[in-house]
Amino acid sequence: MPLPNTYKSDIEIPDSENYSEVEVLWDLYRHFKNLDLVKELSVEDQMITLSFHSLFTINYQVEFSISKETELKIDYEIKLIKLIQVCVALLIFIAFFSSFGITGYLWFSAIFICIFFGLNLVFADSMIQKVIKSSPFFSKIKLQNEGLVSEEQKKWIRDVTKCPACGEDINNYDLKCPECGIRLRDKAPISPFNVSNYKQKRFKYHFKEKKTKKNDT
């Protein structure tokens, strides 16, 4: 029985009927962009594509799309080509260095590959779900469901230029709100820029003392 080369699943977003697919798509994109484990991130035809490393540094390519009937749903598909290639390499390795007979080798290989393949797939899927559910959008939905968000805060939440807690103006380079201090993201986007092109933006500079080596006099 051949191993599946893709794995498809989805995550439903409760109480999300007032949000659009495009809005959630770009919220996810901004969230993925701030994660160190995400590589080769792109958006095309309303679909996010990225790659990341999981167990044993196996690389997975994942595609995300947003669908909506009454509520939003995040569909994702994991490409398993790299995992299958690793499994084949392990089978060859076992064949060269095992002392089993043909029957023993076949049984051992089948059991080992099923466990190895299943373990990696479960780990990759759980990591994707954890990353999605840690996004700011899911936090917004959770707060609204708990009745902790006022009507004014709901407007701030939908506005990416406002702090969702206090309404202070923020930009893509703020890790924390300059007014209330709430953490906005784990990592700010880094890109070269000319300050003269951002006259309406607020910039913060942090100075760190240069560490000297012990051998320096």
N, C-alpha and C. Protein backbone atom coordinates (compact mmCIF):
# COMPACT_ATOMS: atom_id res chain seq x y z
N MET A 1 0.86 -1.20 0.00
CA MET A 1 0.00 0.00 0.00
C MET A 1 0.89 1.24 0.00
N PRO A 2 0.79 2.11 -1.01
CA PRO A 2 1.65 3.29 -1.08
C PRO A 2 1.29 4.31 0.00
N LEU A 3 2.31 5.04 0.44
CA LEU A 3 2.08 6.09 1.43
C LEU A 3 1.42 7.29 0.76
N PRO A 4 0.48 7.95 1.43
CA PRO A 4 -0.17 9.14 0.84
C PRO A 4 0.84 10.27 0.71
N ASN A 5 0.79 11.00 -0.41
CA ASN A 5 1.75 12.08 -0.61
C ASN A 5 1.23 13.45 -0.18
N THR A 6 -0.03 13.52 0.25
CA THR A 6 -0.57 14.76 0.81
C THR A 6 -1.48 14.42 1.99
N TYR A 7 -1.64 15.39 2.87
CA TYR A 7 -2.55 15.24 4.01
C TYR A 7 -3.39 16.52 4.08
N LYS A 8 -4.71 16.38 4.09
CA LYS A 8 -5.61 17.52 4.12
C LYS A 8 -6.41 17.54 5.43
N SER A 9 -6.58 18.74 5.96
CA SER A 9 -7.40 18.90 7.16
C SER A 9 -7.91 20.35 7.20
N ASP A 10 -8.66 20.69 8.22
CA ASP A 10 -9.18 22.05 8.33
C ASP A 10 -9.43 22.39 9.79
N ILE A 11 -9.57 23.68 10.05
CA ILE A 11 -9.91 24.20 11.38
C ILE A 11 -11.07 25.16 11.23
N GLU A 12 -12.16 24.89 11.89
CA GLU A 12 -13.31 25.78 11.84
C GLU A 12 -13.15 26.91 12.86
N ILE A 13 -13.59 28.10 12.48
CA ILE A 13 -13.49 29.27 13.34
C ILE A 13 -14.88 29.64 13.83
N PRO A 14 -15.19 29.40 15.09
CA PRO A 14 -16.55 29.69 15.58
C PRO A 14 -16.83 31.18 15.66
N ASP A 15 -18.09 31.54 15.47
CA ASP A 15 -18.54 32.93 15.59
C ASP A 15 -17.73 33.88 14.72
N SER A 16 -17.47 33.47 13.48
CA SER A 16 -16.65 34.29 12.58
C SER A 16 -17.43 34.76 11.37
N GLU A 17 -18.75 34.73 11.46
CA GLU A 17 -19.57 35.07 10.30
C GLU A 17 -19.42 36.53 9.87
N ASN A 18 -18.95 37.40 10.77
CA ASN A 18 -18.80 38.82 10.43
C ASN A 18 -17.45 39.16 9.81
N TYR A 19 -16.60 38.15 9.62
CA TYR A 19 -15.28 38.37 9.03
C TYR A 19 -15.24 37.80 7.62
N SER A 20 -14.41 38.41 6.79
CA SER A 20 -14.28 37.96 5.40
C SER A 20 -13.09 37.02 5.25
N GLU A 21 -13.12 36.24 4.17
CA GLU A 21 -12.02 35.31 3.91
C GLU A 21 -10.70 36.04 3.70
N VAL A 22 -10.76 37.16 2.98
CA VAL A 22 -9.54 37.92 2.69
C VAL A 22 -8.94 38.49 3.96
N GLU A 23 -9.79 38.97 4.85
CA GLU A 23 -9.32 39.54 6.12
C GLU A 23 -8.56 38.51 6.94
N VAL A 24 -9.10 37.31 7.05
CA VAL A 24 -8.44 36.26 7.82
C VAL A 24 -7.18 35.79 7.13
N LEU A 25 -7.22 35.71 5.81
CA LEU A 25 -6.06 35.28 5.03
C LEU A 25 -4.85 36.17 5.31
N TRP A 26 -5.06 37.48 5.29
CA TRP A 26 -3.93 38.40 5.51
C TRP A 26 -3.54 38.47 6.97
N ASP A 27 -4.47 38.25 7.88
CA ASP A 27 -4.11 38.14 9.30
C ASP A 27 -3.17 36.95 9.51
N LEU A 28 -3.49 35.82 8.88
CA LEU A 28 -2.64 34.63 8.98
C LEU A 28 -1.27 34.88 8.35
N TYR A 29 -1.28 35.54 7.20
CA TYR A 29 -0.01 35.83 6.51
C TYR A 29 0.91 36.67 7.40
N ARG A 30 0.37 37.72 8.02
CA ARG A 30 1.19 38.56 8.90
C ARG A 30 1.69 37.77 10.10
N HIS A 31 0.85 36.87 10.60
CA HIS A 31 1.27 36.03 11.73
C HIS A 31 2.39 35.08 11.33
N PHE A 32 2.25 34.40 10.20
CA PHE A 32 3.28 33.48 9.72
C PHE A 32 4.60 34.22 9.45
N LYS A 33 4.49 35.45 8.99
CA LYS A 33 5.68 36.22 8.62
C LYS A 33 6.55 36.51 9.84
N ASN A 34 5.97 36.51 11.02
CA ASN A 34 6.71 36.81 12.24
C ASN A 34 7.27 35.58 12.94
N LEU A 35 7.09 34.40 12.34
CA LEU A 35 7.55 33.15 12.96
C LEU A 35 8.86 32.70 12.35
N ASP A 36 9.84 32.38 13.21
CA ASP A 36 11.15 31.96 12.73
C ASP A 36 11.11 30.62 12.02
N LEU A 37 10.20 29.73 12.41
CA LEU A 37 10.17 28.39 11.82
C LEU A 37 9.60 28.37 10.42
N VAL A 38 8.93 29.44 10.01
CA VAL A 38 8.30 29.50 8.69
C VAL A 38 9.30 30.00 7.65
N LYS A 39 9.39 29.28 6.52
CA LYS A 39 10.28 29.66 5.43
C LYS A 39 9.48 29.71 4.12
N GLU A 40 10.04 30.42 3.14
CA GLU A 40 9.47 30.47 1.79
C GLU A 40 7.97 30.79 1.82
N LEU A 41 7.63 31.88 2.47
CA LEU A 41 6.23 32.30 2.62
C LEU A 41 5.79 33.12 1.41
N SER A 42 4.61 32.80 0.87
CA SER A 42 4.10 33.54 -0.27
C SER A 42 2.57 33.47 -0.30
N VAL A 43 1.96 34.40 -1.01
CA VAL A 43 0.50 34.42 -1.19
C VAL A 43 0.21 34.56 -2.68
N GLU A 44 -0.66 33.69 -3.19
CA GLU A 44 -1.04 33.74 -4.60
C GLU A 44 -2.41 33.09 -4.78
N ASP A 45 -3.27 33.79 -5.51
CA ASP A 45 -4.63 33.28 -5.78
C ASP A 45 -5.37 32.93 -4.49
N GLN A 46 -5.31 33.83 -3.51
CA GLN A 46 -6.01 33.65 -2.23
C GLN A 46 -5.57 32.37 -1.50
N MET A 47 -4.29 32.04 -1.65
CA MET A 47 -3.75 30.86 -0.98
C MET A 47 -2.37 31.17 -0.43
N ILE A 48 -2.14 30.80 0.83
CA ILE A 48 -0.83 30.99 1.45
C ILE A 48 -0.03 29.70 1.31
N THR A 49 1.21 29.84 0.87
CA THR A 49 2.11 28.70 0.77
C THR A 49 3.34 28.97 1.61
N LEU A 50 3.76 27.98 2.38
CA LEU A 50 4.95 28.13 3.21
C LEU A 50 5.61 26.77 3.39
N SER A 51 6.80 26.79 3.95
CA SER A 51 7.48 25.54 4.31
C SER A 51 8.05 25.68 5.71
N PHE A 52 8.19 24.56 6.41
CA PHE A 52 8.77 24.57 7.75
C PHE A 52 9.39 23.21 8.03
N HIS A 53 10.29 23.18 9.02
CA HIS A 53 10.94 21.94 9.42
C HIS A 53 10.27 21.38 10.67
N SER A 54 10.06 20.09 10.67
CA SER A 54 9.46 19.41 11.82
C SER A 54 10.47 18.43 12.40
N LEU A 55 10.01 17.28 12.87
CA LEU A 55 10.90 16.28 13.45
C LEU A 55 11.98 15.86 12.46
N PHE A 56 13.20 15.65 12.97
CA PHE A 56 14.33 15.18 12.16
C PHE A 56 14.63 16.13 11.00
N THR A 57 14.27 17.41 11.18
CA THR A 57 14.49 18.48 10.17
C THR A 57 13.87 18.16 8.81
N ILE A 58 12.81 17.38 8.82
CA ILE A 58 12.10 17.08 7.57
C ILE A 58 11.32 18.32 7.14
N ASN A 59 11.48 18.70 5.88
CA ASN A 59 10.84 19.90 5.37
C ASN A 59 9.44 19.58 4.81
N TYR A 60 8.46 20.37 5.21
CA TYR A 60 7.09 20.20 4.73
C TYR A 60 6.64 21.48 4.04
N GLN A 61 6.00 21.34 2.92
CA GLN A 61 5.34 22.47 2.27
C GLN A 61 3.86 22.39 2.57
N VAL A 62 3.29 23.53 2.96
CA VAL A 62 1.88 23.58 3.37
C VAL A 62 1.16 24.68 2.61
N GLU A 63 -0.06 24.38 2.17
CA GLU A 63 -0.90 25.36 1.50
C GLU A 63 -2.14 25.64 2.35
N PHE A 64 -2.45 26.92 2.53
CA PHE A 64 -3.60 27.33 3.33
C PHE A 64 -4.59 28.11 2.45
N SER A 65 -5.86 27.86 2.66
CA SER A 65 -6.91 28.63 2.00
C SER A 65 -8.06 28.82 2.98
N ILE A 66 -8.87 29.84 2.73
CA ILE A 66 -9.98 30.17 3.62
C ILE A 66 -11.29 29.95 2.87
N SER A 67 -12.21 29.23 3.48
CA SER A 67 -13.54 29.03 2.89
C SER A 67 -14.59 29.49 3.89
N LYS A 68 -15.78 29.76 3.38
CA LYS A 68 -16.84 30.27 4.25
C LYS A 68 -18.20 29.84 3.74
N GLU A 69 -18.97 29.25 4.62
CA GLU A 69 -20.39 28.98 4.36
C GLU A 69 -21.18 29.93 5.27
N THR A 70 -21.38 29.52 6.51
CA THR A 70 -21.91 30.47 7.49
C THR A 70 -20.77 31.00 8.35
N GLU A 71 -19.80 30.13 8.66
CA GLU A 71 -18.63 30.52 9.43
C GLU A 71 -17.37 30.19 8.64
N LEU A 72 -16.28 30.83 9.01
CA LEU A 72 -15.03 30.65 8.30
C LEU A 72 -14.37 29.32 8.65
N LYS A 73 -13.60 28.80 7.69
CA LYS A 73 -12.87 27.56 7.91
C LYS A 73 -11.51 27.68 7.22
N ILE A 74 -10.46 27.31 7.94
CA ILE A 74 -9.11 27.32 7.39
C ILE A 74 -8.77 25.92 6.90
N ASP A 75 -8.63 25.77 5.60
CA ASP A 75 -8.25 24.49 5.01
C ASP A 75 -6.74 24.49 4.77
N TYR A 76 -6.09 23.38 5.10
CA TYR A 76 -4.66 23.30 4.82
C TYR A 76 -4.30 21.91 4.29
N GLU A 77 -3.28 21.90 3.46
CA GLU A 77 -2.81 20.68 2.83
C GLU A 77 -1.30 20.56 3.01
N ILE A 78 -0.84 19.45 3.59
CA ILE A 78 0.58 19.23 3.85
C ILE A 78 1.14 18.32 2.75
N LYS A 79 2.19 18.77 2.09
CA LYS A 79 2.86 17.95 1.09
C LYS A 79 3.85 17.02 1.80
N LEU A 80 3.75 15.73 1.54
CA LEU A 80 4.53 14.73 2.27
C LEU A 80 5.66 14.10 1.44
N ILE A 81 6.03 14.75 0.35
CA ILE A 81 7.06 14.19 -0.54
C ILE A 81 8.38 13.98 0.20
N LYS A 82 8.81 14.97 0.97
CA LYS A 82 10.08 14.87 1.70
C LYS A 82 10.04 13.75 2.73
N LEU A 83 8.90 13.59 3.40
CA LEU A 83 8.76 12.53 4.39
C LEU A 83 8.84 11.16 3.72
N ILE A 84 8.22 11.01 2.56
CA ILE A 84 8.28 9.74 1.83
C ILE A 84 9.71 9.44 1.39
N GLN A 85 10.43 10.47 0.95
CA GLN A 85 11.83 10.28 0.55
C GLN A 85 12.69 9.80 1.72
N VAL A 86 12.44 10.35 2.90
CA VAL A 86 13.17 9.91 4.09
C VAL A 86 12.84 8.46 4.42
N CYS A 87 11.57 8.10 4.28
CA CYS A 87 11.15 6.72 4.55
C CYS A 87 11.84 5.74 3.60
N VAL A 88 11.93 6.11 2.33
CA VAL A 88 12.61 5.25 1.34
C VAL A 88 14.08 5.10 1.68
N ALA A 89 14.72 6.21 2.08
CA ALA A 89 16.13 6.16 2.46
C ALA A 89 16.34 5.25 3.67
N LEU A 90 15.41 5.30 4.63
CA LEU A 90 15.51 4.44 5.81
C LEU A 90 15.35 2.97 5.43
N LEU A 91 14.45 2.67 4.51
CA LEU A 91 14.26 1.28 4.06
C LEU A 91 15.54 0.74 3.42
N ILE A 92 16.18 1.57 2.62
CA ILE A 92 17.44 1.14 1.99
C ILE A 92 18.53 0.92 3.04
N PHE A 93 18.58 1.83 4.02
CA PHE A 93 19.56 1.70 5.09
C PHE A 93 19.35 0.41 5.88
N ILE A 94 18.08 0.13 6.21
CA ILE A 94 17.75 -1.09 6.96
C ILE A 94 18.11 -2.33 6.16
N ALA A 95 17.88 -2.29 4.85
CA ALA A 95 18.18 -3.44 3.99
C ALA A 95 19.67 -3.75 3.97
N PHE A 96 20.51 -2.72 4.01
CA PHE A 96 21.95 -2.93 3.95
C PHE A 96 22.55 -3.39 5.28
N PHE A 97 21.98 -2.92 6.38
CA PHE A 97 22.63 -3.16 7.66
C PHE A 97 21.85 -4.08 8.60
N SER A 98 20.70 -4.59 8.18
CA SER A 98 19.94 -5.49 9.04
C SER A 98 20.41 -6.93 8.83
N SER A 99 20.18 -7.74 9.86
CA SER A 99 20.54 -9.16 9.78
C SER A 99 19.29 -10.04 9.65
N PHE A 100 18.15 -9.41 9.32
CA PHE A 100 16.90 -10.15 9.17
C PHE A 100 16.90 -10.93 7.85
N GLY A 101 16.09 -11.98 7.83
CA GLY A 101 15.79 -12.64 6.57
C GLY A 101 14.79 -11.80 5.79
N ILE A 102 14.40 -12.26 4.63
CA ILE A 102 13.47 -11.51 3.78
C ILE A 102 12.15 -11.26 4.50
N THR A 103 11.60 -12.32 5.11
CA THR A 103 10.31 -12.16 5.80
C THR A 103 10.44 -11.23 6.99
N GLY A 104 11.50 -11.42 7.77
CA GLY A 104 11.72 -10.56 8.93
C GLY A 104 11.93 -9.11 8.53
N TYR A 105 12.68 -8.90 7.45
CA TYR A 105 12.94 -7.54 6.96
C TYR A 105 11.64 -6.87 6.53
N LEU A 106 10.79 -7.61 5.82
CA LEU A 106 9.53 -7.03 5.35
C LEU A 106 8.61 -6.65 6.50
N TRP A 107 8.51 -7.53 7.51
CA TRP A 107 7.67 -7.23 8.66
C TRP A 107 8.22 -6.05 9.45
N PHE A 108 9.51 -6.08 9.74
CA PHE A 108 10.14 -5.00 10.50
C PHE A 108 10.02 -3.67 9.77
N SER A 109 10.28 -3.68 8.47
CA SER A 109 10.22 -2.45 7.68
C SER A 109 8.81 -1.87 7.67
N ALA A 110 7.82 -2.74 7.48
CA ALA A 110 6.43 -2.27 7.43
C ALA A 110 6.02 -1.62 8.75
N ILE A 111 6.34 -2.29 9.87
CA ILE A 111 5.97 -1.75 11.18
C ILE A 111 6.73 -0.46 11.47
N PHE A 112 8.04 -0.46 11.20
CA PHE A 112 8.87 0.72 11.49
C PHE A 112 8.43 1.93 10.67
N ILE A 113 8.20 1.73 9.38
CA ILE A 113 7.83 2.84 8.50
C ILE A 113 6.45 3.39 8.88
N CYS A 114 5.51 2.51 9.21
CA CYS A 114 4.18 2.98 9.62
C CYS A 114 4.26 3.85 10.88
N ILE A 115 5.06 3.40 11.85
CA ILE A 115 5.22 4.18 13.08
C ILE A 115 5.94 5.50 12.80
N PHE A 116 7.03 5.44 12.04
CA PHE A 116 7.82 6.64 11.73
C PHE A 116 7.00 7.64 10.93
N PHE A 117 6.30 7.15 9.90
CA PHE A 117 5.49 8.02 9.05
C PHE A 117 4.34 8.64 9.86
N GLY A 118 3.63 7.81 10.63
CA GLY A 118 2.51 8.31 11.41
C GLY A 118 2.93 9.30 12.47
N LEU A 119 4.05 9.04 13.15
CA LEU A 119 4.54 9.94 14.20
C LEU A 119 4.88 11.30 13.63
N ASN A 120 5.59 11.33 12.50
CA ASN A 120 5.96 12.60 11.89
C ASN A 120 4.74 13.36 11.38
N LEU A 121 3.78 12.64 10.81
CA LEU A 121 2.58 13.30 10.31
C LEU A 121 1.76 13.91 11.44
N VAL A 122 1.59 13.17 12.52
CA VAL A 122 0.83 13.68 13.68
C VAL A 122 1.53 14.91 14.26
N PHE A 123 2.85 14.85 14.37
CA PHE A 123 3.61 15.98 14.94
C PHE A 123 3.49 17.21 14.04
N ALA A 124 3.62 17.02 12.72
CA ALA A 124 3.52 18.15 11.79
C ALA A 124 2.12 18.77 11.82
N ASP A 125 1.10 17.93 11.86
CA ASP A 125 -0.28 18.43 11.90
C ASP A 125 -0.56 19.20 13.19
N SER A 126 -0.10 18.66 14.32
CA SER A 126 -0.33 19.34 15.60
C SER A 126 0.42 20.66 15.66
N MET A 127 1.60 20.72 15.05
CA MET A 127 2.36 21.97 15.02
C MET A 127 1.64 23.03 14.19
N ILE A 128 1.08 22.63 13.06
CA ILE A 128 0.35 23.57 12.22
C ILE A 128 -0.88 24.11 12.95
N GLN A 129 -1.62 23.21 13.58
CA GLN A 129 -2.81 23.65 14.31
C GLN A 129 -2.44 24.59 15.46
N LYS A 130 -1.34 24.29 16.14
CA LYS A 130 -0.89 25.14 17.24
C LYS A 130 -0.51 26.53 16.74
N VAL A 131 0.19 26.58 15.60
CA VAL A 131 0.59 27.86 15.03
C VAL A 131 -0.62 28.67 14.61
N ILE A 132 -1.60 28.02 13.98
CA ILE A 132 -2.80 28.73 13.54
C ILE A 132 -3.57 29.28 14.73
N LYS A 133 -3.75 28.46 15.76
CA LYS A 133 -4.55 28.87 16.91
C LYS A 133 -3.83 29.88 17.80
N SER A 134 -2.53 30.08 17.58
CA SER A 134 -1.81 31.11 18.34
C SER A 134 -1.82 32.45 17.63
N SER A 135 -2.49 32.52 16.48
CA SER A 135 -2.54 33.76 15.70
C SER A 135 -3.39 34.81 16.42
N PRO A 136 -3.11 36.09 16.20
CA PRO A 136 -3.90 37.16 16.82
C PRO A 136 -5.38 37.07 16.50
N PHE A 137 -5.71 36.58 15.30
CA PHE A 137 -7.12 36.50 14.91
C PHE A 137 -7.89 35.56 15.84
N PHE A 138 -7.31 34.39 16.15
CA PHE A 138 -7.97 33.46 17.06
C PHE A 138 -8.12 34.06 18.46
N SER A 139 -7.13 34.85 18.87
CA SER A 139 -7.21 35.52 20.18
C SER A 139 -8.37 36.51 20.21
N LYS A 140 -8.55 37.23 19.10
CA LYS A 140 -9.66 38.18 19.01
C LYS A 140 -11.01 37.47 19.15
N ILE A 141 -11.15 36.36 18.42
CA ILE A 141 -12.41 35.59 18.44
C ILE A 141 -12.67 35.07 19.86
N LYS A 142 -11.61 34.57 20.51
CA LYS A 142 -11.76 34.03 21.86
C LYS A 142 -12.23 35.10 22.83
N LEU A 143 -11.64 36.28 22.75
CA LEU A 143 -12.04 37.37 23.64
C LEU A 143 -13.49 37.78 23.40
N GLN A 144 -13.89 37.82 22.13
CA GLN A 144 -15.27 38.19 21.82
C GLN A 144 -16.25 37.15 22.34
N ASN A 145 -15.88 35.87 22.22
CA ASN A 145 -16.75 34.80 22.71
C ASN A 145 -16.91 34.84 24.21
N GLU A 146 -15.87 35.31 24.90
CA GLU A 146 -15.94 35.38 26.36
C GLU A 146 -16.62 36.65 26.85
N GLY A 147 -17.05 37.49 25.91
CA GLY A 147 -17.76 38.71 26.28
C GLY A 147 -16.88 39.76 26.93
N LEU A 148 -15.57 39.71 26.64
CA LEU A 148 -14.63 40.64 27.27
C LEU A 148 -14.28 41.82 26.37
N VAL A 149 -14.90 41.92 25.22
CA VAL A 149 -14.57 42.96 24.27
C VAL A 149 -15.75 43.91 24.09
N SER A 150 -15.48 45.21 24.24
CA SER A 150 -16.52 46.21 24.06
C SER A 150 -16.71 46.49 22.57
N GLU A 151 -17.76 47.22 22.24
CA GLU A 151 -18.01 47.57 20.85
C GLU A 151 -16.87 48.41 20.29
N GLU A 152 -16.32 49.29 21.13
CA GLU A 152 -15.20 50.13 20.69
C GLU A 152 -13.96 49.29 20.40
N GLN A 153 -13.71 48.29 21.26
CA GLN A 153 -12.57 47.41 21.04
C GLN A 153 -12.73 46.57 19.77
N LYS A 154 -13.97 46.19 19.46
CA LYS A 154 -14.21 45.42 18.24
C LYS A 154 -13.78 46.22 17.01
N LYS A 155 -13.97 47.54 17.05
CA LYS A 155 -13.52 48.38 15.94
C LYS A 155 -12.00 48.41 15.89
N TRP A 156 -11.36 48.49 17.05
CA TRP A 156 -9.88 48.50 17.09
C TRP A 156 -9.34 47.17 16.58
N ILE A 157 -9.98 46.07 16.93
CA ILE A 157 -9.51 44.75 16.54
C ILE A 157 -9.49 44.60 15.02
N ARG A 158 -10.47 45.18 14.36
CA ARG A 158 -10.57 45.06 12.91
C ARG A 158 -9.64 46.04 12.18
N ASP A 159 -9.06 46.98 12.92
CA ASP A 159 -8.17 47.99 12.34
C ASP A 159 -6.72 47.63 12.70
N VAL A 160 -5.92 47.24 11.70
CA VAL A 160 -4.54 46.79 11.97
C VAL A 160 -3.63 47.93 12.39
N THR A 161 -4.08 49.18 12.26
CA THR A 161 -3.26 50.33 12.67
C THR A 161 -3.56 50.76 14.11
N LYS A 162 -4.45 50.03 14.80
CA LYS A 162 -4.81 50.36 16.18
C LYS A 162 -4.47 49.21 17.12
N CYS A 163 -4.09 49.56 18.34
CA CYS A 163 -3.89 48.54 19.37
C CYS A 163 -5.24 47.94 19.73
N PRO A 164 -5.39 46.61 19.73
CA PRO A 164 -6.69 46.00 20.02
C PRO A 164 -7.15 46.19 21.46
N ALA A 165 -6.23 46.61 22.35
CA ALA A 165 -6.59 46.76 23.77
C ALA A 165 -6.97 48.20 24.13
N CYS A 166 -6.20 49.19 23.60
CA CYS A 166 -6.45 50.57 24.02
C CYS A 166 -6.75 51.53 22.87
N GLY A 167 -6.53 51.10 21.62
CA GLY A 167 -6.83 51.96 20.47
C GLY A 167 -5.71 52.89 20.06
N GLU A 168 -4.52 52.76 20.69
CA GLU A 168 -3.38 53.60 20.33
C GLU A 168 -2.91 53.26 18.90
N ASP A 169 -2.38 54.27 18.20
CA ASP A 169 -1.85 54.03 16.86
C ASP A 169 -0.61 53.14 16.93
N ILE A 170 -0.54 52.12 16.09
CA ILE A 170 0.61 51.22 16.06
C ILE A 170 1.04 51.03 14.60
N ASN A 171 2.25 50.49 14.42
CA ASN A 171 2.72 50.17 13.08
C ASN A 171 3.29 48.76 13.06
N ASN A 172 3.75 48.33 11.90
CA ASN A 172 4.23 46.95 11.74
C ASN A 172 5.49 46.66 12.52
N TYR A 173 6.17 47.71 13.03
CA TYR A 173 7.44 47.52 13.72
C TYR A 173 7.29 47.56 15.25
N ASP A 174 6.07 47.72 15.73
CA ASP A 174 5.82 47.72 17.17
C ASP A 174 5.65 46.30 17.68
N LEU A 175 6.52 45.87 18.59
CA LEU A 175 6.35 44.58 19.23
C LEU A 175 5.33 44.68 20.37
N LYS A 176 5.32 45.85 21.03
CA LYS A 176 4.38 46.12 22.11
C LYS A 176 3.69 47.45 21.85
N CYS A 177 2.50 47.59 22.40
CA CYS A 177 1.78 48.87 22.27
C CYS A 177 2.53 49.95 23.06
N PRO A 178 2.84 51.11 22.46
CA PRO A 178 3.55 52.17 23.17
C PRO A 178 2.75 52.81 24.30
N GLU A 179 1.44 52.58 24.32
CA GLU A 179 0.58 53.17 25.34
C GLU A 179 0.32 52.22 26.51
N CYS A 180 -0.24 51.02 26.22
CA CYS A 180 -0.63 50.10 27.30
C CYS A 180 0.37 48.96 27.51
N GLY A 181 1.29 48.75 26.54
CA GLY A 181 2.33 47.74 26.71
C GLY A 181 1.93 46.33 26.33
N ILE A 182 0.70 46.12 25.81
CA ILE A 182 0.28 44.77 25.43
C ILE A 182 1.17 44.26 24.29
N ARG A 183 1.54 42.97 24.34
CA ARG A 183 2.39 42.39 23.31
C ARG A 183 1.58 42.16 22.04
N LEU A 184 2.08 42.71 20.94
CA LEU A 184 1.37 42.65 19.67
C LEU A 184 1.85 41.52 18.78
N ARG A 185 3.14 41.20 18.81
CA ARG A 185 3.73 40.15 17.98
C ARG A 185 5.04 39.71 18.60
N ASP A 186 5.50 38.54 18.19
CA ASP A 186 6.75 38.01 18.72
C ASP A 186 7.98 38.57 18.03
N LYS A 187 7.82 38.94 16.77
CA LYS A 187 8.97 39.38 16.00
C LYS A 187 8.53 40.44 15.00
N ALA A 188 9.23 41.55 14.97
CA ALA A 188 8.90 42.62 14.03
C ALA A 188 9.51 42.32 12.67
N PRO A 189 8.82 42.70 11.59
CA PRO A 189 9.41 42.49 10.26
C PRO A 189 10.67 43.32 10.10
N ILE A 190 11.69 42.75 9.50
CA ILE A 190 12.96 43.44 9.31
C ILE A 190 13.17 43.66 7.83
N SER A 191 13.32 44.89 7.44
CA SER A 191 13.59 45.20 6.04
C SER A 191 14.32 46.53 5.97
N PRO A 192 15.21 46.70 5.00
CA PRO A 192 15.91 47.99 4.87
C PRO A 192 14.94 49.07 4.44
N PHE A 193 15.11 50.26 4.99
CA PHE A 193 14.22 51.35 4.60
C PHE A 193 14.93 52.68 4.78
N ASN A 194 14.41 53.68 4.13
CA ASN A 194 14.91 55.04 4.24
C ASN A 194 13.95 55.80 5.15
N VAL A 195 14.47 56.34 6.26
CA VAL A 195 13.61 57.02 7.24
C VAL A 195 12.86 58.18 6.60
N SER A 196 13.46 58.84 5.61
CA SER A 196 12.83 60.00 4.99
C SER A 196 11.54 59.64 4.25
N ASN A 197 11.37 58.34 3.94
CA ASN A 197 10.15 57.90 3.25
C ASN A 197 9.00 57.62 4.21
N TYR A 198 9.26 57.74 5.52
CA TYR A 198 8.24 57.39 6.52
C TYR A 198 8.06 58.56 7.49
N LYS A 199 7.73 59.71 6.94
CA LYS A 199 7.63 60.91 7.77
C LYS A 199 6.49 60.84 8.77
N GLN A 200 5.46 60.05 8.47
CA GLN A 200 4.31 59.96 9.36
C GLN A 200 4.43 58.81 10.34
N LYS A 201 5.52 58.08 10.33
CA LYS A 201 5.69 56.93 11.19
C LYS A 201 6.50 57.27 12.43
N ARG A 202 6.32 56.48 13.46
CA ARG A 202 7.05 56.64 14.71
C ARG A 202 8.14 55.58 14.78
N PHE A 203 9.37 56.00 15.08
CA PHE A 203 10.47 55.05 15.15
C PHE A 203 11.06 55.06 16.55
N LYS A 204 11.46 53.89 17.01
CA LYS A 204 12.10 53.75 18.32
C LYS A 204 13.47 53.14 18.12
N TYR A 205 14.47 53.72 18.78
CA TYR A 205 15.84 53.25 18.65
C TYR A 205 16.29 52.67 19.98
N HIS A 206 16.93 51.52 19.91
CA HIS A 206 17.43 50.84 21.10
C HIS A 206 18.94 50.71 20.99
N PHE A 207 19.65 51.18 22.00
CA PHE A 207 21.10 51.12 21.99
C PHE A 207 21.57 50.04 22.95
N LYS A 208 22.48 49.21 22.48
CA LYS A 208 23.05 48.16 23.31
C LYS A 208 24.55 48.38 23.44
N GLU A 209 25.03 48.19 24.64
CA GLU A 209 26.46 48.35 24.88
C GLU A 209 27.22 47.21 24.21
N LYS A 210 28.26 47.57 23.48
CA LYS A 210 29.04 46.57 22.78
C LYS A 210 29.85 45.76 23.76
N LYS A 211 29.75 44.44 23.66
CA LYS A 211 30.48 43.57 24.55
C LYS A 211 31.94 43.46 24.09
N THR A 212 32.85 43.56 25.03
CA THR A 212 34.28 43.46 24.70
C THR A 212 34.79 42.08 25.06
N LYS A 213 35.71 41.59 24.25
CA LYS A 213 36.29 40.28 24.52
C LYS A 213 37.26 40.34 25.68
N LYS A 214 37.43 39.24 26.36
CA LYS A 214 38.31 39.19 27.52
C LYS A 214 39.74 39.51 27.18
N ASN A 215 40.15 39.21 25.93
CA ASN A 215 41.54 39.42 25.52
C ASN A 215 41.81 40.87 25.12
N ASP A 216 40.71 41.65 24.94
CA ASP A 216 40.89 43.05 24.55
C ASP A 216 41.46 43.84 25.72
N THR A 217 42.34 44.78 25.44
CA THR A 217 42.92 45.61 26.51
C THR A 217 42.37 47.01 26.42
